[in-house]
C-alpha cells in the first residue's frame, strides 16, 4: 500500500478538523514527504493526549494510538525533546474539552 505524503495528509486533516469546528494549529512543520505526524489534543483543563501513528503487525496496517495522557506541560516537554532530535516531525495541536481528534475515523489512517 502506498503512503500519502505527510504534508498532504496534514492539510487534509486540518481541513477536516475545521469542518468539525475543532480548533487546530500546526506547531511544527516537518518533512513534506515522509515526516512522521504527532497530534496533541489539549483538553483545556491542563491535561492533554498525545497521538502517534504506529504500525500494527497483526493487522498489517498503520493506526493511530494515544501514547501519552498527562499534564499538558509533560506532553509539551516530550514534544520539545523529540522535535529537537527529529526536524522532519510534524506536530499538530488541537483543542477539545471532550478529547475529540477524529483519529478514530478509518479514513484518516
N, C-alpha and C. Protein backbone atom coordinates (compact mmCIF):
# COMPACT_ATOMS: atom_id res chain seq x y z
N UNK A 1 0.84 -1.17 0.00
CA UNK A 1 0.00 0.00 0.00
C UNK A 1 0.89 1.24 0.00
N UNK A 2 0.59 2.19 -0.84
CA UNK A 2 1.38 3.41 -0.89
C UNK A 2 0.94 4.36 0.22
N UNK A 3 1.88 5.17 0.67
CA UNK A 3 1.60 6.13 1.73
C UNK A 3 1.34 7.50 1.15
N UNK A 4 0.44 8.20 1.78
CA UNK A 4 0.16 9.57 1.41
C UNK A 4 1.25 10.46 1.99
N UNK A 5 1.74 11.41 1.22
CA UNK A 5 2.78 12.32 1.70
C UNK A 5 2.28 13.05 2.95
N UNK A 6 3.17 13.24 3.91
CA UNK A 6 2.80 13.83 5.20
C UNK A 6 2.16 15.20 5.04
N UNK A 7 2.73 16.04 4.19
CA UNK A 7 2.18 17.39 4.02
C UNK A 7 0.76 17.38 3.49
N UNK A 8 0.46 16.48 2.59
CA UNK A 8 -0.90 16.36 2.04
C UNK A 8 -1.85 15.87 3.12
N UNK A 9 -1.40 14.85 3.89
CA UNK A 9 -2.24 14.32 4.97
C UNK A 9 -2.55 15.41 5.98
N UNK A 10 -1.55 16.19 6.37
CA UNK A 10 -1.75 17.25 7.36
C UNK A 10 -2.76 18.27 6.85
N UNK A 11 -2.62 18.70 5.60
CA UNK A 11 -3.58 19.68 5.06
C UNK A 11 -5.00 19.12 5.06
N UNK A 12 -5.16 17.86 4.68
CA UNK A 12 -6.49 17.25 4.66
C UNK A 12 -7.05 17.13 6.08
N UNK A 13 -6.21 16.74 7.03
CA UNK A 13 -6.65 16.61 8.42
C UNK A 13 -7.05 17.97 8.98
N UNK A 14 -6.29 19.00 8.71
CA UNK A 14 -6.61 20.34 9.20
C UNK A 14 -7.95 20.81 8.62
N UNK A 15 -8.20 20.50 7.35
CA UNK A 15 -9.47 20.85 6.73
C UNK A 15 -10.61 20.12 7.42
N UNK A 16 -10.40 18.83 7.66
CA UNK A 16 -11.43 18.01 8.31
C UNK A 16 -11.75 18.53 9.71
N UNK A 17 -10.71 18.89 10.46
CA UNK A 17 -10.92 19.45 11.80
C UNK A 17 -11.70 20.76 11.71
N UNK A 18 -11.36 21.59 10.74
CA UNK A 18 -12.08 22.85 10.55
C UNK A 18 -13.56 22.65 10.26
N UNK A 19 -13.87 21.64 9.47
CA UNK A 19 -15.27 21.34 9.15
C UNK A 19 -16.05 20.90 10.39
N UNK A 20 -15.33 20.32 11.36
CA UNK A 20 -15.97 19.88 12.61
C UNK A 20 -15.87 20.94 13.71
N UNK A 21 -15.37 22.13 13.35
CA UNK A 21 -15.20 23.24 14.32
C UNK A 21 -14.31 22.86 15.49
N UNK A 22 -13.25 22.13 15.21
CA UNK A 22 -12.24 21.79 16.22
C UNK A 22 -11.01 22.64 15.92
N UNK A 23 -10.70 23.60 16.80
CA UNK A 23 -9.53 24.46 16.56
C UNK A 23 -8.25 23.64 16.52
N UNK A 24 -7.41 23.91 15.52
CA UNK A 24 -6.16 23.16 15.37
C UNK A 24 -5.08 24.06 14.78
N UNK A 25 -3.84 23.75 15.15
CA UNK A 25 -2.70 24.54 14.73
C UNK A 25 -1.53 23.62 14.41
N UNK A 26 -0.76 23.94 13.40
CA UNK A 26 0.47 23.21 13.12
C UNK A 26 1.56 23.88 13.95
N UNK A 27 2.07 23.15 14.95
CA UNK A 27 3.11 23.69 15.82
C UNK A 27 4.50 23.49 15.24
N UNK A 28 4.68 22.40 14.50
CA UNK A 28 5.97 22.07 13.91
C UNK A 28 5.71 21.53 12.52
N UNK A 29 6.28 22.17 11.54
CA UNK A 29 6.15 21.70 10.16
C UNK A 29 7.34 20.79 9.87
N UNK A 30 7.05 19.56 9.52
CA UNK A 30 8.09 18.58 9.24
C UNK A 30 8.32 18.39 7.76
N UNK A 31 8.95 17.27 7.43
CA UNK A 31 9.23 16.94 6.04
C UNK A 31 7.91 16.72 5.29
N UNK A 32 7.76 17.39 4.17
CA UNK A 32 6.50 17.35 3.41
C UNK A 32 6.20 15.97 2.83
N UNK A 33 7.23 15.18 2.63
CA UNK A 33 7.03 13.88 2.01
C UNK A 33 6.92 12.75 3.02
N UNK A 34 7.90 12.65 3.90
CA UNK A 34 7.98 11.45 4.72
C UNK A 34 8.02 11.71 6.23
N UNK A 35 7.71 12.91 6.67
CA UNK A 35 7.77 13.19 8.10
C UNK A 35 6.69 12.46 8.87
N UNK A 36 7.02 12.05 10.10
CA UNK A 36 6.02 11.47 10.99
C UNK A 36 5.12 12.59 11.49
N UNK A 37 3.93 12.22 11.99
CA UNK A 37 2.97 13.21 12.48
C UNK A 37 2.55 12.82 13.89
N UNK A 38 2.63 13.79 14.80
CA UNK A 38 2.09 13.65 16.15
C UNK A 38 0.94 14.62 16.30
N UNK A 39 -0.07 14.22 17.05
CA UNK A 39 -1.23 15.07 17.30
C UNK A 39 -1.40 15.21 18.81
N UNK A 40 -1.33 16.45 19.28
CA UNK A 40 -1.57 16.76 20.70
C UNK A 40 -3.00 17.27 20.82
N UNK A 41 -3.76 16.66 21.72
CA UNK A 41 -5.13 17.09 21.97
C UNK A 41 -5.16 17.76 23.34
N UNK A 42 -5.21 19.07 23.35
CA UNK A 42 -5.29 19.84 24.59
C UNK A 42 -6.74 19.83 25.06
N UNK A 43 -6.96 19.36 26.29
CA UNK A 43 -8.32 19.24 26.81
C UNK A 43 -8.80 20.50 27.54
N UNK A 44 -7.97 21.53 27.53
CA UNK A 44 -8.31 22.85 28.09
C UNK A 44 -8.53 22.82 29.60
N UNK A 45 -8.00 21.79 30.27
CA UNK A 45 -8.06 21.72 31.73
C UNK A 45 -6.67 21.48 32.32
N UNK A 46 -5.64 21.70 31.50
CA UNK A 46 -4.27 21.46 31.94
C UNK A 46 -3.74 20.09 31.55
N UNK A 47 -4.59 19.25 31.00
CA UNK A 47 -4.19 17.91 30.57
C UNK A 47 -4.29 17.79 29.06
N UNK A 48 -3.62 16.77 28.54
CA UNK A 48 -3.63 16.57 27.09
C UNK A 48 -3.35 15.11 26.77
N UNK A 49 -3.61 14.75 25.52
CA UNK A 49 -3.31 13.42 24.99
C UNK A 49 -2.34 13.60 23.84
N UNK A 50 -1.46 12.64 23.65
CA UNK A 50 -0.54 12.66 22.52
C UNK A 50 -0.79 11.42 21.68
N UNK A 51 -1.08 11.64 20.40
CA UNK A 51 -1.37 10.56 19.46
C UNK A 51 -0.24 10.42 18.45
N UNK A 52 0.11 9.17 18.16
CA UNK A 52 1.13 8.86 17.15
C UNK A 52 0.60 7.74 16.27
N UNK A 53 1.03 7.76 15.02
CA UNK A 53 0.65 6.68 14.11
C UNK A 53 1.70 5.59 14.24
N UNK A 54 1.24 4.38 14.51
CA UNK A 54 2.15 3.24 14.67
C UNK A 54 1.72 2.11 13.75
N UNK A 55 2.69 1.27 13.45
CA UNK A 55 2.42 0.13 12.59
C UNK A 55 1.93 -1.03 13.45
N UNK A 56 0.81 -1.62 13.08
CA UNK A 56 0.22 -2.76 13.77
C UNK A 56 0.55 -4.02 12.97
N UNK A 57 1.49 -4.81 13.49
CA UNK A 57 1.92 -6.01 12.78
C UNK A 57 0.78 -7.00 12.57
N UNK A 58 -0.06 -7.16 13.58
CA UNK A 58 -1.15 -8.14 13.49
C UNK A 58 -2.12 -7.78 12.37
N UNK A 59 -2.41 -6.51 12.22
CA UNK A 59 -3.36 -6.07 11.19
C UNK A 59 -2.67 -5.69 9.89
N UNK A 60 -1.34 -5.67 9.91
CA UNK A 60 -0.55 -5.25 8.75
C UNK A 60 -1.02 -3.88 8.24
N UNK A 61 -1.16 -2.96 9.19
CA UNK A 61 -1.65 -1.63 8.84
C UNK A 61 -1.14 -0.62 9.87
N UNK A 62 -1.18 0.63 9.48
CA UNK A 62 -0.85 1.70 10.42
C UNK A 62 -2.13 2.17 11.09
N UNK A 63 -2.04 2.53 12.38
CA UNK A 63 -3.20 3.02 13.10
C UNK A 63 -2.75 4.08 14.10
N UNK A 64 -3.66 4.93 14.50
CA UNK A 64 -3.38 5.97 15.47
C UNK A 64 -3.53 5.42 16.87
N UNK A 65 -2.55 5.73 17.73
CA UNK A 65 -2.54 5.24 19.10
C UNK A 65 -2.27 6.42 20.03
N UNK A 66 -3.05 6.51 21.10
CA UNK A 66 -2.78 7.51 22.12
C UNK A 66 -1.62 6.96 22.96
N UNK A 67 -0.45 7.58 22.84
CA UNK A 67 0.75 7.07 23.51
C UNK A 67 1.02 7.75 24.84
N UNK A 68 0.30 8.82 25.13
CA UNK A 68 0.56 9.53 26.38
C UNK A 68 -0.65 10.37 26.75
N UNK A 69 -1.07 10.26 28.00
CA UNK A 69 -2.09 11.13 28.58
C UNK A 69 -1.49 11.65 29.87
N UNK A 70 -1.34 12.97 29.96
CA UNK A 70 -0.62 13.54 31.10
C UNK A 70 -0.93 15.04 31.17
N UNK A 71 -0.23 15.70 32.10
CA UNK A 71 -0.33 17.16 32.16
C UNK A 71 0.18 17.72 30.84
N UNK A 72 -0.44 18.80 30.40
CA UNK A 72 -0.05 19.40 29.13
C UNK A 72 1.43 19.76 29.11
N UNK A 73 1.96 20.20 30.24
CA UNK A 73 3.37 20.58 30.31
C UNK A 73 4.29 19.38 30.08
N UNK A 74 3.91 18.21 30.55
CA UNK A 74 4.71 16.99 30.34
C UNK A 74 4.70 16.59 28.86
N UNK A 75 3.57 16.72 28.23
CA UNK A 75 3.48 16.40 26.81
C UNK A 75 4.26 17.42 25.99
N UNK A 76 4.17 18.70 26.36
CA UNK A 76 4.96 19.72 25.67
C UNK A 76 6.45 19.45 25.79
N UNK A 77 6.89 18.98 26.96
CA UNK A 77 8.31 18.66 27.16
C UNK A 77 8.73 17.50 26.26
N UNK A 78 7.88 16.49 26.15
CA UNK A 78 8.21 15.36 25.26
C UNK A 78 8.28 15.80 23.81
N UNK A 79 7.34 16.64 23.40
CA UNK A 79 7.35 17.15 22.03
C UNK A 79 8.61 17.96 21.78
N UNK A 80 9.01 18.80 22.73
CA UNK A 80 10.21 19.62 22.58
C UNK A 80 11.46 18.74 22.44
N UNK A 81 11.54 17.68 23.24
CA UNK A 81 12.69 16.76 23.13
C UNK A 81 12.74 16.11 21.76
N UNK A 82 11.59 15.65 21.30
CA UNK A 82 11.56 14.92 20.02
C UNK A 82 11.81 15.84 18.83
N UNK A 83 11.22 17.03 18.85
CA UNK A 83 11.45 17.93 17.72
C UNK A 83 12.88 18.45 17.70
N UNK A 84 13.54 18.44 18.85
CA UNK A 84 14.96 18.79 18.89
C UNK A 84 15.82 17.76 18.18
N UNK A 85 15.37 16.52 18.19
CA UNK A 85 16.10 15.42 17.54
C UNK A 85 15.64 15.17 16.12
N UNK A 86 14.35 15.36 15.87
CA UNK A 86 13.76 14.98 14.58
C UNK A 86 13.12 16.20 13.93
N UNK A 87 13.84 16.87 13.05
CA UNK A 87 13.32 18.06 12.38
C UNK A 87 12.28 17.72 11.32
N UNK A 88 12.13 16.44 10.98
CA UNK A 88 11.13 16.02 10.00
C UNK A 88 9.75 15.79 10.60
N UNK A 89 9.64 15.84 11.93
CA UNK A 89 8.40 15.56 12.64
C UNK A 89 7.41 16.71 12.52
N UNK A 90 6.17 16.36 12.16
CA UNK A 90 5.07 17.32 12.18
C UNK A 90 4.39 17.22 13.55
N UNK A 91 4.00 18.35 14.11
CA UNK A 91 3.23 18.36 15.36
C UNK A 91 2.01 19.25 15.16
N UNK A 92 0.85 18.66 15.41
CA UNK A 92 -0.41 19.38 15.32
C UNK A 92 -1.01 19.44 16.72
N UNK A 93 -1.48 20.61 17.11
CA UNK A 93 -2.19 20.74 18.38
C UNK A 93 -3.62 21.11 18.09
N UNK A 94 -4.53 20.43 18.76
CA UNK A 94 -5.93 20.79 18.65
C UNK A 94 -6.51 20.94 20.03
N UNK A 95 -7.60 21.69 20.11
CA UNK A 95 -8.25 21.97 21.39
C UNK A 95 -9.63 21.33 21.41
N UNK A 96 -9.83 20.46 22.40
CA UNK A 96 -11.12 19.78 22.52
C UNK A 96 -11.31 19.32 23.96
N UNK A 97 -12.24 19.92 24.65
CA UNK A 97 -12.53 19.51 26.03
C UNK A 97 -12.89 18.03 26.10
N UNK A 98 -13.57 17.54 25.07
CA UNK A 98 -14.01 16.14 25.03
C UNK A 98 -12.92 15.19 24.55
N UNK A 99 -11.82 15.72 24.07
CA UNK A 99 -10.74 14.88 23.56
C UNK A 99 -10.98 14.40 22.14
N UNK A 100 -11.86 15.05 21.41
CA UNK A 100 -12.15 14.65 20.02
C UNK A 100 -10.96 14.98 19.14
N UNK A 101 -10.50 13.97 18.42
CA UNK A 101 -9.39 14.17 17.49
C UNK A 101 -9.74 13.71 16.07
N UNK A 102 -10.82 12.96 15.94
CA UNK A 102 -11.27 12.35 14.68
C UNK A 102 -10.31 11.25 14.20
N UNK A 103 -9.29 10.93 14.99
CA UNK A 103 -8.31 9.92 14.56
C UNK A 103 -8.86 8.50 14.61
N UNK A 104 -10.05 8.33 15.19
CA UNK A 104 -10.67 7.00 15.19
C UNK A 104 -11.39 6.72 13.86
N UNK A 105 -11.42 7.69 12.98
CA UNK A 105 -12.03 7.53 11.66
C UNK A 105 -11.06 6.74 10.76
N UNK A 106 -11.46 5.58 10.24
CA UNK A 106 -10.56 4.77 9.41
C UNK A 106 -10.02 5.50 8.19
N UNK A 107 -10.72 6.51 7.70
CA UNK A 107 -10.23 7.22 6.52
C UNK A 107 -8.99 8.05 6.82
N UNK A 108 -8.67 8.26 8.11
CA UNK A 108 -7.50 9.05 8.48
C UNK A 108 -6.28 8.20 8.76
N UNK A 109 -6.40 6.90 8.63
CA UNK A 109 -5.24 6.03 8.87
C UNK A 109 -4.23 6.28 7.81
